[in-house]
Amino acid sequence: MATVKHINIHNSDYGAAYEYLTMQHDEFTNKPILDENGLMMERDFYIIEGINCDPATFDLECEAVNALYKKNREYREVKAHHYIISFDPNDRDENGLTPEKAQELGMELARKSFPGHQIIVCTHDDGHSGSGNIHCHIVLNSVRKINVPREDFMILPGDNKAGIKHHATDDFQKYFKSSVMELCQRESLYQVDLLSPARVRITDREYWAQRKGQAKLDAENAAKKASGQLPTKTVYETDNAILRRQIKAVLEDSKNYDDFCQKLLGSYGILVGESRGRISYLPSNRAKPIRGRMLGTDFEKESIEKYLQDKLATAQKAPVRAPELIMQLQYIVNEQARPYASQSAKIRSLKDMADSLAFCQENHIESQEELEALYKATQEDYLSKKDVHAKTVAELKDAKEILRYTKQRHANKKVYLEFMNARNKPKFRAKHESEIVLYEAATRELKKLLNGKPVPSEKTTAAKIRNLSARKNAEYEELSEIKRRERDLTEKVIRVRSIYERPAEHKKRIHELE
C-alpha cells in the first residue's frame, strides 16, 4: 500500500538534496554520517536518474534557471519540492517489486506529473527502522525550465510556461495521489485509499517526535537496568497520542456529547471547543487548542456523535441484569479506583479492565467461555482467510507469469513461423537463434502453467490480473483487521483469565454490585 509524502524545501543549496539521496545520513538529525577521516560515506544502495538535468550537476543547473527567470531569491520562497512514494514491504516478496521497477515507476510519475521541471529521481531499498520497504524520492526545482503542453491537472494560468513555479495545491495533491493509486492498481501492488482522511492521523512531525522520544526512553531504561533499577515506563507517547488515549477513555464512559465534554474536562482538564462546526481540544498544559482533524477523523465531532449514538443503541439492547463476568470486571474496576491502590498501577489496570468491561457489554459476552470461544473463532477465521489470501497471491503470480510468457511468445511468433517454413532450417536458426529460443521457452513454460489448456489472449489475462489484484488487496485489508482484532482479544482473554485466578475472598464482594 503505497503512501505519499510531500515536503517543501526552502534550502537554497540544491546540492544538499543530491547529497541526502546518495550519502548516508542520520535518520533522526538528517546530518551526514562521517567516516574516521571526516568524509561523508556513500549509501550502500541507490538508483538515481535525472530529467531535464544531470543529477550530479542538479544544483548548478537549478541555480542557472532560477537566475534566468529571477526566481527563488528569498528564504521564504519554496526552492524545491520533495515527493516520497513508499511502497508496501510485502510488494517486494509477494508482487515481485524490485528497486529497478520502483525507479521506473518513479520516472514515469515524475515525467507525467512535473513536465518541464528539472528533476532527480532516486530509489532506496531500505525503509526507516529497518522496515526494508522500497521507496522512491522525486526532487524537483520549483521553477519550470521549459514550456510544455497544457495538461488537465494544470489549474492556474501559466502552469505550463517556463519560469512559472510549481504549485503543490490541494487539487494537485489529489491528482498526484490518484496517479499513484492508479499506478499501484496497474502494477498489482498493494494500495490504500490515499484520498480519504485518515481515522488516526500521524503527521511527519509527530512520527519523528515519537521515534526520538522512544529512542531516548530506551537509552534511559537501559541505564536503569544496568544500575539495577526497574523502568517505570517503556513506551513513549507524544502529546497527541496521550490526548487520543484520554479521549477514547472518556468516550467509553460517556452517554452523550455534552456528557463527553464535561467528563473530558473533569477527568483530564481538557476543554472541548467548537468553531464553524469543527471541534478542538485544549489540554491544560497548552495555550493553543489542537483541532480534531489533526488527530484523525475518529476525533472529529461527527465521528464522536456517531460512536455515542451507536453505543447508546447497543446499550438499550443489552440485558438488564449484568452477568457474572460483567460483575467481576466491574468489581475489579471499582477495587482499582480505591485511593490506597498504587497510582501508576491503578491507572493502567483501571484502563485495561474498563476497556474489557466495555467490550464485553457491547458484544453481549456473559461468560469466560463465550470470550474464549470468540477468541478461538477469530484465530480460526484468520488462519482460514490467510490460506485463501495465499492462494490468491499464488494465482496472481501465475497469471502474471502467463501474461509475461504470452507476450514473449507473441513477440517472437512471426520469426518462429518463418523458421518452420524455411527450407534451410539450421541456417535460419543460426541467424535468429535468440528469437527462436525465446519463443520455444515461452511455449514450454505456458504448457506447464496452463496444464495443456489453450493459451488465453493477453486481454483476457490482463483482466484476470486486475480482478485478482483487487481481490488480493481486499483480502489483505480484511486480514489486517482480523489480526488487529485477534491481538485485542488476546489482551482481553488474559485479563479475564486473571479474574478467575484471584483469591476467593476477593470474589465474595461481587454481590454488592447486584
Foldseek 3Di string as FASTA:
>chain_A
DKDKDKDFALDLQPVLVLCLQFFDADPQPRHFDADPVRDTHTDPDKDKAKDPDGSVCLSVVLVVLCVVLVPSPDSVDRFKMKMKIWADQVCVPLQVDDQVNQQVVQVVLCCVLPPQWIWMKMWDQADPPRSRTIMMMIMTGQFGAAADDDDPLDDDPPCRHGRHGDDPDPSSVQVSQVVVVVVCLLSLGFDDPNVDWFQFAQDPVNVSVQVVQLVVLVVVQVVCVVVVHHDPDNHDDDPLRVVVVLLVLLLLVAQADVRSQVCSCVVFVWHWDDDPQWIWIDGPVDPDTHTQVNRHPCRTPVNSRVSNVLLNVLLVPFDPDAAPLLLLLVLQLVVLPDPVHDPVVSVVVNSLSSVLNSVCRSVVPRDLVSLVVVLVVLVVVLVVLVVVLVVLSVVLVLLVLLLVLVVLLVVLVVLVVCLVVDPPNVVSCVVVVVSNVSNVVSVVVNCVSVVNDDRDDSVVSSVVSSVSSVVSNVSVVVSVVSVVVSVSSVSSSVVSVVSVVDDPVSCVCSVVVD
